Structures are given as C-alpha cells and as structure tokens.
Amino acid sequence: MTKISLKYGLDSLTCELPVTRILTCDVPCALPEPVAAVRQALAQPIDSPPLTEIVKPGEQVVIVTSDITRYTGSEIYLPMLVEELNRCGIPDKDIEIIIALGIHRKQTTDEHRKILGPLFGRIAVHDHQCDDSEQLIDLGRTSSGLPVQINRRVMAADRVIVTGTVALHYFAGFGGGRKSLVPGVASRTTCMATHFAIFNPPEEGGRNPLARTANLEGNPVHQAILEAARMIAPDFLLNTVLTPEKRIAAVFCGEFEAAHLAGCRLAARLYTVPLGSSADLAIVSCGGHPKDINFIQAHKALDYGVQAVRPGGTVILLAACPDGFGNPTFFDWFNFENLDIFEKALRERYEINGQTAYATLAKARTWRVILVSGFTREQTERMGMIKAEDLDAALQMAYEQLPADPEVVVIPDGGSVLPVIKPAHEL
C-alpha cells in the first residue's frame, strides 16, 4: 500500500492505496531563480523591443494582472515591472494596476496585498467592475458582430502592459495572454458574447469540439477572445508558466500574441500527461487553495480529471470551496435537469456561470462523480454528484461499484494536469 497526501483547501487529506499511477506535470529538474527569470525575460522580449524603447516619460501606464483565484507570481514580477518603468522615467504616480476580475467578486484588502506584494500601498490599484457602465468604454464590434466594452482606465492609458500566467483552460485552450483583457477587463456583455462561441450553430446543437483544453487551432472561443483583445492594442505582455507547487518554471515577455503562444507551447509540454488506457477511478485534488477556492474554479480539475476515466467510471473530486459556488447565479442553473432543455435555456440567455453548470451536469451524467467539499448533501446532489464527508468515505463509495481489480489513477494537482489517452505506440 502507498500512503498518498492530497491538498484540500489550505489542508491535506491522506489515504492508503495499492500501488497505482500518479499523474503529475513534467516539471523541469532545475527551475530558474524567479527574479533572474523575470529579469532575463524583460531583457530579451519575444518579437518586441524592450520596455525602454516602448514607454516614454510623461506617459500613463496601466498594468493588468489577475485576481486571487489565479496565482501568477505577481508579487515577484509586478515590483520588477514597476522598477523597469521607473528606470524608463515613469514615476509611481503615473502607474496604475488593474485587477482583471472578469465577472468575479471584488478583492479584499488582504487579497490586494498578496497580489501586489511590496507594491501594496505604493502603486494605485483598482478592481475591474464588469457591471459598472461608468467604468466602461464601447470599442464597437468585432468582425463577427461581438460587442466589445472595456475598462475605461485601461483604454485611457498611454501604455497597457498585460500580465498573468499561462495554464490550461477547459474551453479557451489556454489561459493567460488575451484572457487577461477579455474577459479580464471587459463588460459582462462582452464576456458572455465571447464565451457563447463554445456552442455550435443552433441547427447543429451541442458544443463545438474544437473549444477544448490545450487547443487553440480553430478554437472559436480563443478566436473570439483574441479578436476582441486586439482592439485594445496592448503594448507588452509578461506571462509566467508555473509548476503545480506555484513555482515559476519560465517567464515570457514581449509582443502580446507571440509571447503568449511561446508560453502555451511550454504549458502544453508541462501539463499534458499521456495514458495508454482509460482508468476505472480517478482521485483528483484541485491542487488546494486557491484552485479550489470555489466550485467554478474547482470545475477545471473535474473537467481535466474525467479525461483519464472511461465513461461510466468514477471520479473522486477533492474541492474545499470555502467561497461556495463562486457566483450567486451559478447554482440556480441546476433547476434544469435535462441537458437538452438546459442547452436551449443557455442559448436563449447565456451566462458563463450557466455554461460551467451545464458542463458540470454533463460530466455528472457521463461519470459517477463523488465530491468531497464543504457543500451540503442537497447542494451536491442538485449538481448531479454524490456527497462524501471525507476521502475515506469517498473511497468506500467508489469501490462499491468498481470492478474487482480496478485501474486507478491519482491526480494531485487536477487544476494543472490534462490526461490524454494515446495508443501504446505513441507513448
């Protein structure tokens, strides 16, 4: 038997299992020193001149960065970015940091402190508010007719620097890059319109198969977001790629699209794990806080984890979710128990939270999902899943319906690992 410890919120849960496969990222043996990695990336930007040749004294600069639900290493790179801007003749008073909340809740003072690190109290910081029309400016429409409304502070700046981290995303392919702008600093209307591209035309129905994890080629959601983000015309990008332990594996700086794509290539190599066959059971931890801060965030680990399991198999998801569902409208969508009716309702009144709820219910109909979380039994069952009080109870439930000698995989950081079933000759 092997003793396994899995992160759950700010704690860990342990269990003993027969020798089984543990799916982890392909993390490099030697990681760069974080400050040196940021400094080198700033000095050698991809397809772009350095910041010293982009910004000029007297210009107003906005730095866009992620909220607390996505750890990026911001407390390391934001001070270095500001230091570089100061060196270019941009004083602190001409720099603002915008937290790319998308449709997420506002940040607390402590969360601002964590994001900004030593910059807290020194550089002005503002939370984006997607529903405040006075904070938004209309940029018109994309070629497909998508409305683009963006944070007014971002558009008023002379220079826009986009920061964040490149990780897997379950329907945009990868996070980072353009997503820090759209949905990061876009209106709710723009957010909904870009994400609606996940669906096929009504006459076809269903979800577009190219809108999937780790895929950008032909991905309609990625294309919609990218076209909208191009209208903002950002001047520079800094994206990290992190290990599951939230250490910096690499830093990419430079031209908005080229630097992001370089990060995506590395993320695909790190986070994709090949499997020769589908398992009967996957035990999936989101990776702990903040990846399981709420269910909307935790769903990413569920979406990736089921890829390792045969249809009809079992998934145990460990997701503390101290912030609950993550949005007040999310749980209401589970009033729809029939997936066809659910899809019809989404097409009539699309919400990103509704899309996540739809995806959750679709998986709960395809796999047996046992959830260990802070949710009640009633809430868990309403989402189509089975409530377990702890990991031991979840394992007992799982083994009741598994074959005698089940194939089991453990995924300690389900929010970062994408299992991919491949023929033996491709492994």
Protein backbone atom coordinates (compact mmCIF):
# COMPACT_ATOMS: atom_id res chain seq x y z
CA MET A 1 0.00 0.00 0.00
CA THR A 2 1.12 3.55 -0.74
CA LYS A 3 0.27 6.49 1.51
CA ILE A 4 -0.85 9.47 -0.57
CA SER A 5 -1.38 13.05 0.62
CA LEU A 6 -3.62 15.35 -1.43
CA LYS A 7 -4.22 19.07 -0.99
CA TYR A 8 -7.67 20.18 0.10
CA GLY A 9 -8.10 23.92 0.56
CA LEU A 10 -5.40 25.01 3.00
CA ASP A 11 -5.14 21.47 4.42
CA SER A 12 -4.29 17.99 3.13
CA LEU A 13 -6.17 14.69 3.08
CA THR A 14 -4.38 11.34 3.16
CA CYS A 15 -5.25 7.81 2.14
CA GLU A 16 -3.58 4.47 1.50
CA LEU A 17 -3.97 2.82 -1.88
CA PRO A 18 -2.49 -0.15 -3.72
CA VAL A 19 0.39 0.89 -5.97
CA THR A 20 -1.25 2.99 -8.65
CA ARG A 21 -0.34 5.61 -11.21
CA ILE A 22 0.12 9.17 -10.03
CA LEU A 23 -0.27 11.72 -12.82
CA THR A 24 1.94 14.77 -12.40
CA CYS A 25 3.31 17.55 -14.56
CA ASP A 26 6.59 17.12 -16.39
CA VAL A 27 8.37 19.71 -14.26
CA PRO A 28 11.99 20.51 -15.19
CA CYS A 29 14.53 19.20 -12.66
CA ALA A 30 16.22 22.60 -12.38
CA LEU A 31 13.93 25.62 -12.08
CA PRO A 32 15.19 29.14 -12.69
CA GLU A 33 15.70 31.62 -9.88
CA PRO A 34 12.45 33.68 -10.11
CA VAL A 35 13.91 37.19 -10.07
CA ALA A 36 16.58 36.22 -12.59
CA ALA A 37 13.95 34.62 -14.85
CA VAL A 38 11.82 37.78 -14.87
CA ARG A 39 14.83 40.00 -15.44
CA GLN A 40 16.06 37.88 -18.37
CA ALA A 41 12.60 37.80 -19.99
CA LEU A 42 12.30 41.58 -19.71
CA ALA A 43 15.74 41.99 -21.26
CA GLN A 44 15.04 39.57 -24.14
CA PRO A 45 11.40 40.08 -25.15
CA ILE A 46 9.88 37.98 -27.93
CA ASP A 47 9.11 39.83 -31.20
CA SER A 48 9.16 43.17 -29.37
CA PRO A 49 11.56 45.93 -28.38
CA PRO A 50 12.25 46.16 -24.63
CA LEU A 51 10.11 48.40 -22.44
CA THR A 52 12.84 51.05 -22.52
CA GLU A 53 12.03 51.56 -26.22
CA ILE A 54 8.24 51.44 -25.78
CA VAL A 55 7.37 53.75 -22.89
CA LYS A 56 8.32 57.41 -22.58
CA PRO A 57 8.44 59.81 -19.61
CA GLY A 58 5.11 61.55 -19.11
CA GLU A 59 3.03 58.60 -20.30
CA GLN A 60 0.36 56.97 -18.14
CA VAL A 61 0.86 53.20 -17.80
CA VAL A 62 -1.70 50.59 -16.76
CA ILE A 63 -0.62 47.12 -15.70
CA VAL A 64 -3.36 44.48 -15.87
CA THR A 65 -2.95 41.50 -13.55
CA SER A 66 -5.02 38.53 -12.36
CA ASP A 67 -7.18 38.26 -9.26
CA ILE A 68 -6.62 35.99 -6.27
CA THR A 69 -8.26 32.96 -7.94
CA ARG A 70 -5.26 32.65 -10.27
CA TYR A 71 -1.87 32.70 -8.61
CA THR A 72 0.63 34.06 -11.13
CA GLY A 73 3.75 35.08 -9.20
CA SER A 74 2.57 38.69 -9.34
CA GLU A 75 4.22 39.63 -6.03
CA ILE A 76 7.54 38.81 -7.75
CA TYR A 77 7.11 40.28 -11.22
CA LEU A 78 4.95 43.36 -10.52
CA PRO A 79 7.66 45.09 -8.42
CA MET A 80 10.20 44.30 -11.14
CA LEU A 81 7.92 45.71 -13.83
CA VAL A 82 7.44 48.91 -11.83
CA GLU A 83 11.18 49.11 -11.25
CA GLU A 84 11.73 48.84 -15.00
CA LEU A 85 9.11 51.51 -15.67
CA ASN A 86 10.73 53.80 -13.09
CA ARG A 87 14.02 53.25 -14.91
CA CYS A 88 12.27 54.36 -18.11
CA GLY A 89 11.27 57.63 -16.46
CA ILE A 90 7.73 56.64 -15.41
CA PRO A 91 7.13 57.64 -11.76
CA ASP A 92 4.86 55.68 -9.44
CA LYS A 93 2.08 58.28 -9.74
CA ASP A 94 1.79 57.57 -13.47
CA ILE A 95 1.30 53.81 -12.95
CA GLU A 96 -1.96 52.04 -12.12
CA ILE A 97 -2.63 48.34 -11.56
CA ILE A 98 -6.00 46.98 -12.68
CA ILE A 99 -7.14 43.65 -11.23
CA ALA A 100 -8.69 41.64 -14.07
CA LEU A 101 -11.73 40.33 -12.23
CA GLY A 102 -13.79 39.44 -15.29
CA ILE A 103 -17.13 38.66 -13.65
CA HIS A 104 -15.55 37.61 -10.33
CA ARG A 105 -16.15 39.36 -6.99
CA LYS A 106 -14.13 42.36 -5.81
CA GLN A 107 -10.91 41.68 -3.92
CA THR A 108 -10.35 42.26 -0.23
CA THR A 109 -7.56 44.45 1.12
CA ASP A 110 -5.61 41.35 2.15
CA GLU A 111 -6.02 39.91 -1.35
CA HIS A 112 -4.71 43.15 -2.89
CA ARG A 113 -1.75 42.92 -0.53
CA LYS A 114 -1.00 39.35 -1.66
CA ILE A 115 -1.28 40.21 -5.36
CA LEU A 116 0.85 43.38 -5.20
CA GLY A 117 3.42 42.24 -2.66
CA PRO A 118 5.75 45.13 -1.72
CA LEU A 119 3.89 47.46 -4.10
CA PHE A 120 0.80 47.46 -1.87
CA GLY A 121 0.17 50.99 -0.63
CA ARG A 122 2.68 52.38 -3.10
CA ILE A 123 1.00 51.93 -6.52
CA ALA A 124 -2.68 52.72 -7.12
CA VAL A 125 -4.76 49.55 -7.56
CA HIS A 126 -8.32 49.25 -8.87
CA ASP A 127 -10.65 46.28 -9.24
CA HIS A 128 -12.32 45.98 -12.63
CA GLN A 129 -16.12 46.05 -12.34
CA CYS A 130 -17.87 44.45 -15.29
CA ASP A 131 -21.32 45.84 -14.47
CA ASP A 132 -20.40 49.48 -13.83
CA SER A 133 -21.22 51.27 -17.09
CA GLU A 134 -19.38 54.40 -15.96
CA GLN A 135 -16.14 52.40 -15.84
CA LEU A 136 -16.57 51.01 -19.36
CA ILE A 137 -15.98 52.33 -22.85
CA ASP A 138 -17.52 50.91 -26.04
CA LEU A 139 -14.98 49.93 -28.72
CA GLY A 140 -17.57 48.78 -31.24
CA ARG A 141 -17.90 45.26 -32.61
CA THR A 142 -15.64 42.53 -33.93
CA SER A 143 -15.95 41.16 -37.47
CA SER A 144 -18.46 38.60 -36.20
CA GLY A 145 -20.58 41.30 -34.53
CA LEU A 146 -19.40 40.69 -30.98
CA PRO A 147 -19.78 43.84 -28.80
CA VAL A 148 -16.54 44.96 -27.10
CA GLN A 149 -16.79 47.10 -23.96
CA ILE A 150 -13.58 47.56 -21.96
CA ASN A 151 -12.46 49.14 -18.69
CA ARG A 152 -12.18 52.90 -19.15
CA ARG A 153 -8.93 53.20 -17.16
CA VAL A 154 -7.27 50.66 -19.43
CA MET A 155 -8.33 52.46 -22.58
CA ALA A 156 -7.35 55.88 -21.20
CA ALA A 157 -3.76 54.80 -20.54
CA ASP A 158 -0.97 55.62 -22.97
CA ARG A 159 0.54 52.17 -22.50
CA VAL A 160 -1.06 48.88 -21.46
CA ILE A 161 1.02 46.04 -20.04
CA VAL A 162 -0.76 42.69 -19.67
CA THR A 163 0.39 40.16 -17.07
CA GLY A 164 -0.79 36.78 -15.86
CA THR A 165 0.01 33.09 -16.12
CA VAL A 166 -0.41 30.55 -18.90
CA ALA A 167 -2.30 27.45 -17.78
CA LEU A 168 -4.81 25.05 -19.27
CA HIS A 169 -8.34 26.31 -19.88
CA TYR A 170 -11.20 23.91 -20.44
CA PHE A 171 -12.74 25.65 -23.44
CA ALA A 172 -10.44 28.56 -24.40
CA GLY A 173 -7.50 26.17 -24.75
CA PHE A 174 -5.12 28.08 -22.51
CA GLY A 175 -5.40 30.92 -20.04
CA GLY A 176 -3.13 33.94 -19.96
CA GLY A 177 -2.45 36.37 -22.78
CA ARG A 178 -5.65 37.69 -24.30
CA LYS A 179 -7.84 36.32 -21.46
CA SER A 180 -6.40 38.85 -19.03
CA LEU A 181 -8.11 41.51 -21.17
CA VAL A 182 -11.19 39.60 -22.30
CA PRO A 183 -12.90 38.63 -20.05
CA GLY A 184 -10.45 40.13 -17.52
CA VAL A 185 -11.29 43.83 -18.02
CA ALA A 186 -14.37 43.51 -20.25
CA SER A 187 -18.05 44.13 -19.58
CA ARG A 188 -20.34 41.29 -18.61
CA THR A 189 -21.97 41.58 -22.05
CA THR A 190 -18.60 41.11 -23.80
CA CYS A 191 -17.65 38.22 -21.52
CA MET A 192 -20.88 36.39 -22.28
CA ALA A 193 -20.66 37.01 -26.02
CA THR A 194 -17.10 35.66 -26.36
CA HIS A 195 -17.81 32.57 -24.30
CA PHE A 196 -21.03 31.83 -26.17
CA ALA A 197 -18.80 30.78 -29.07
CA ILE A 198 -18.39 27.44 -27.30
CA PHE A 199 -21.65 26.27 -28.88
CA ASN A 200 -22.22 25.06 -32.41
CA PRO A 201 -24.82 26.91 -34.51
CA PRO A 202 -28.39 26.17 -33.31
CA GLU A 203 -29.13 23.92 -36.30
CA GLU A 204 -26.24 21.64 -35.24
CA GLY A 205 -26.62 21.90 -31.47
CA GLY A 206 -24.14 20.86 -28.83
CA ARG A 207 -20.67 22.10 -28.01
CA ASN A 208 -18.02 22.87 -30.63
CA PRO A 209 -15.42 20.06 -30.34
CA LEU A 210 -12.55 22.46 -31.06
CA ALA A 211 -13.39 24.53 -27.96
CA ARG A 212 -11.40 22.25 -25.69
CA THR A 213 -8.49 22.17 -23.30
CA ALA A 214 -4.98 22.78 -24.69
CA ASN A 215 -6.26 23.55 -28.19
CA LEU A 216 -6.03 26.93 -29.93
CA GLU A 217 -6.20 25.79 -33.56
CA GLY A 218 -9.68 26.55 -34.87
CA ASN A 219 -10.94 27.11 -31.33
CA PRO A 220 -13.91 29.51 -31.73
CA VAL A 221 -13.70 30.80 -28.14
CA HIS A 222 -9.98 31.58 -28.45
CA GLN A 223 -10.58 33.32 -31.79
CA ALA A 224 -13.44 35.44 -30.40
CA ILE A 225 -11.44 36.48 -27.33
CA LEU A 226 -8.31 37.24 -29.33
CA GLU A 227 -10.08 39.46 -31.85
CA ALA A 228 -11.71 41.43 -29.05
CA ALA A 229 -8.40 41.76 -27.16
CA ARG A 230 -6.63 43.03 -30.29
CA MET A 231 -8.97 46.04 -30.29
CA ILE A 232 -7.35 47.15 -27.02
CA ALA A 233 -3.92 47.07 -28.70
CA PRO A 234 -1.82 46.17 -25.62
CA ASP A 235 1.82 47.26 -25.77
CA PHE A 236 3.60 44.49 -23.88
CA LEU A 237 2.96 41.15 -22.20
CA LEU A 238 4.51 39.33 -19.26
CA ASN A 239 3.24 35.80 -18.60
CA THR A 240 4.58 33.17 -16.26
CA VAL A 241 4.27 29.40 -16.54
CA LEU A 242 4.11 27.81 -13.09
CA THR A 243 4.68 24.37 -11.63
CA PRO A 244 1.88 22.76 -9.58
CA GLU A 245 3.75 23.97 -6.48
CA LYS A 246 3.28 27.52 -7.83
CA ARG A 247 6.96 28.00 -8.55
CA ILE A 248 8.00 29.84 -11.71
CA ALA A 249 9.04 27.41 -14.45
CA ALA A 250 9.53 30.13 -17.06
CA VAL A 251 8.70 33.75 -17.86
CA PHE A 252 7.71 35.05 -21.30
CA CYS A 253 7.77 38.73 -22.23
CA GLY A 254 7.23 40.63 -25.44
CA GLU A 255 4.69 41.09 -28.18
CA PHE A 256 1.20 40.30 -26.91
CA GLU A 257 0.44 37.26 -29.09
CA ALA A 258 3.91 35.86 -29.76
CA ALA A 259 4.94 35.79 -26.10
CA HIS A 260 1.66 34.18 -25.10
CA LEU A 261 1.99 31.45 -27.73
CA ALA A 262 5.50 30.67 -26.52
CA GLY A 263 4.06 30.22 -23.03
CA CYS A 264 1.29 27.97 -24.39
CA ARG A 265 3.83 25.67 -26.04
CA LEU A 266 5.67 25.19 -22.76
CA ALA A 267 2.42 24.76 -20.79
CA ALA A 268 1.30 22.02 -23.20
CA ARG A 269 4.56 20.14 -22.64
CA LEU A 270 4.41 20.51 -18.87
CA TYR A 271 0.75 19.84 -18.19
CA THR A 272 -0.22 17.13 -20.69
CA VAL A 273 0.21 13.58 -19.35
CA PRO A 274 -0.24 10.61 -21.72
CA LEU A 275 -2.14 7.47 -20.67
CA GLY A 276 -2.22 4.16 -22.53
CA SER A 277 -5.79 3.35 -21.46
CA SER A 278 -8.69 4.84 -19.52
CA ALA A 279 -8.90 4.23 -15.78
CA ASP A 280 -11.86 2.98 -13.76
CA LEU A 281 -11.26 5.52 -10.98
CA ALA A 282 -9.51 8.88 -10.75
CA ILE A 283 -8.88 10.56 -7.40
CA VAL A 284 -8.50 14.24 -8.21
CA SER A 285 -7.34 17.10 -5.98
CA CYS A 286 -7.70 20.57 -7.46
CA GLY A 287 -4.27 21.37 -6.02
CA GLY A 288 -5.50 23.15 -2.91
CA HIS A 289 -6.08 26.86 -2.33
CA PRO A 290 -6.76 28.95 -4.42
CA LYS A 291 -7.55 26.38 -7.10
CA ASP A 292 -10.47 25.10 -5.04
CA ILE A 293 -11.49 28.45 -3.55
CA ASN A 294 -14.94 27.99 -5.15
CA PHE A 295 -16.63 25.41 -7.35
CA ILE A 296 -16.33 27.42 -10.56
CA GLN A 297 -12.55 27.28 -10.12
CA ALA A 298 -12.62 23.64 -8.96
CA HIS A 299 -14.59 22.60 -12.04
CA LYS A 300 -11.41 22.92 -14.11
CA ALA A 301 -9.87 20.00 -12.21
CA LEU A 302 -13.03 17.96 -12.76
CA ASP A 303 -13.02 18.76 -16.46
CA TYR A 304 -9.41 17.63 -16.85
CA GLY A 305 -9.67 14.67 -14.50
CA VAL A 306 -12.55 12.92 -16.27
CA GLN A 307 -10.36 12.68 -19.37
CA ALA A 308 -8.47 9.88 -17.58
CA VAL A 309 -11.59 7.81 -16.87
CA ARG A 310 -13.77 5.59 -19.03
CA PRO A 311 -17.40 6.75 -19.43
CA GLY A 312 -19.36 5.25 -16.57
CA GLY A 313 -16.26 5.17 -14.36
CA THR A 314 -15.83 7.04 -11.09
CA VAL A 315 -14.14 10.34 -10.22
CA ILE A 316 -13.49 11.48 -6.64
CA LEU A 317 -13.06 15.26 -6.57
CA LEU A 318 -11.48 16.97 -3.56
CA ALA A 319 -12.56 20.63 -3.57
CA ALA A 320 -12.92 22.58 -0.31
CA CYS A 321 -14.73 25.57 -1.91
CA PRO A 322 -14.67 27.94 1.12
CA ASP A 323 -16.15 30.69 -1.10
CA GLY A 324 -19.03 28.45 -2.13
CA PHE A 325 -20.05 28.30 -5.78
CA GLY A 326 -18.08 31.36 -6.88
CA ASN A 327 -21.03 33.34 -8.22
CA PRO A 328 -24.59 33.81 -6.90
CA THR A 329 -26.22 32.79 -10.20
CA PHE A 330 -24.29 29.53 -10.66
CA PHE A 331 -26.39 27.18 -8.51
CA ASP A 332 -29.71 28.42 -9.94
CA TRP A 333 -28.87 26.83 -13.29
CA PHE A 334 -29.25 23.36 -11.80
CA ASN A 335 -33.01 23.87 -11.90
CA PHE A 336 -32.54 22.38 -15.39
CA GLU A 337 -32.11 18.62 -15.00
CA ASN A 338 -32.48 17.73 -18.68
CA LEU A 339 -29.38 18.63 -20.69
CA ASP A 340 -31.26 19.41 -23.91
CA ILE A 341 -33.54 21.84 -22.10
CA PHE A 342 -30.51 23.23 -20.27
CA GLU A 343 -28.71 23.92 -23.57
CA LYS A 344 -31.79 25.60 -25.01
CA ALA A 345 -32.01 27.89 -21.98
CA LEU A 346 -28.32 28.78 -22.28
CA ARG A 347 -28.74 29.71 -25.93
CA GLU A 348 -31.64 31.99 -25.02
CA ARG A 349 -29.91 33.64 -22.04
CA TYR A 350 -26.22 32.80 -22.00
CA GLU A 351 -24.15 33.15 -18.83
CA ILE A 352 -20.61 31.93 -18.26
CA ASN A 353 -21.74 30.52 -14.93
CA GLY A 354 -24.52 28.69 -16.72
CA GLN A 355 -22.00 27.20 -19.14
CA THR A 356 -19.92 25.90 -16.24
CA ALA A 357 -23.04 24.50 -14.58
CA TYR A 358 -24.03 22.82 -17.87
CA ALA A 359 -20.56 21.32 -18.23
CA THR A 360 -20.68 20.09 -14.62
CA LEU A 361 -24.04 18.39 -15.08
CA ALA A 362 -22.97 16.84 -18.40
CA LYS A 363 -19.98 15.24 -16.70
CA ALA A 364 -22.09 14.07 -13.76
CA ARG A 365 -24.36 12.33 -16.30
CA THR A 366 -21.38 10.62 -18.00
CA TRP A 367 -19.23 9.69 -14.98
CA ARG A 368 -20.02 8.86 -11.35
CA VAL A 369 -18.66 11.91 -9.53
CA ILE A 370 -18.13 11.77 -5.76
CA LEU A 371 -17.48 15.21 -4.27
CA VAL A 372 -15.63 15.90 -1.02
CA SER A 373 -16.32 19.55 -0.23
CA GLY A 374 -17.98 21.98 2.12
CA PHE A 375 -21.29 21.74 0.24
CA THR A 376 -24.32 20.06 1.77
CA ARG A 377 -25.66 16.76 0.51
CA GLU A 378 -28.64 18.57 -1.05
CA GLN A 379 -26.39 21.05 -2.90
CA THR A 380 -24.08 18.29 -4.11
CA GLU A 381 -26.88 16.09 -5.38
CA ARG A 382 -28.56 19.04 -7.08
CA MET A 383 -25.34 19.38 -9.14
CA GLY A 384 -25.65 15.71 -10.10
CA MET A 385 -22.85 14.49 -7.83
CA ILE A 386 -22.60 12.30 -4.74
CA LYS A 387 -21.67 13.82 -1.36
CA ALA A 388 -18.88 12.22 0.71
CA GLU A 389 -17.91 13.56 4.12
CA ASP A 390 -14.22 12.75 3.68
CA LEU A 391 -11.77 10.95 1.42
CA ASP A 392 -12.10 7.60 3.23
CA ALA A 393 -15.87 7.66 2.78
CA ALA A 394 -15.46 8.61 -0.87
CA LEU A 395 -13.11 5.67 -1.48
CA GLN A 396 -15.52 3.27 0.18
CA MET A 397 -18.36 4.54 -2.05
CA ALA A 398 -16.18 4.31 -5.15
CA TYR A 399 -15.02 0.73 -4.59
CA GLU A 400 -18.59 -0.47 -4.09
CA GLN A 401 -19.21 -0.08 -7.83
CA LEU A 402 -15.74 -0.73 -9.30
CA PRO A 403 -14.53 -3.99 -10.88
CA ALA A 404 -12.52 -6.41 -8.75
CA ASP A 405 -9.13 -5.18 -9.91
CA PRO A 406 -9.75 -1.56 -10.93
CA GLU A 407 -7.35 0.66 -12.82
CA VAL A 408 -6.82 3.68 -10.56
CA VAL A 409 -5.05 6.99 -11.17
CA VAL A 410 -4.35 9.76 -8.69
CA ILE A 411 -4.05 13.38 -9.84
CA PRO A 412 -2.60 15.57 -7.05
CA ASP A 413 -2.98 18.81 -9.00
CA GLY A 414 -6.04 18.33 -11.16
CA GLY A 415 -6.21 22.02 -12.00
CA SER A 416 -2.92 21.74 -13.90
CA VAL A 417 -2.78 18.21 -15.35
CA LEU A 418 -4.52 17.14 -18.55
CA PRO A 419 -4.58 13.34 -19.09
CA VAL A 420 -4.55 12.38 -22.76
CA ILE A 421 -5.36 8.83 -23.84
CA LYS A 422 -2.88 7.72 -26.51
CA PRO A 423 -2.20 4.40 -28.26
CA ALA A 424 0.72 2.46 -26.80
CA HIS A 425 2.94 3.17 -29.82
CA GLU A 426 2.60 6.91 -29.22
CA LEU A 427 3.61 6.79 -25.54
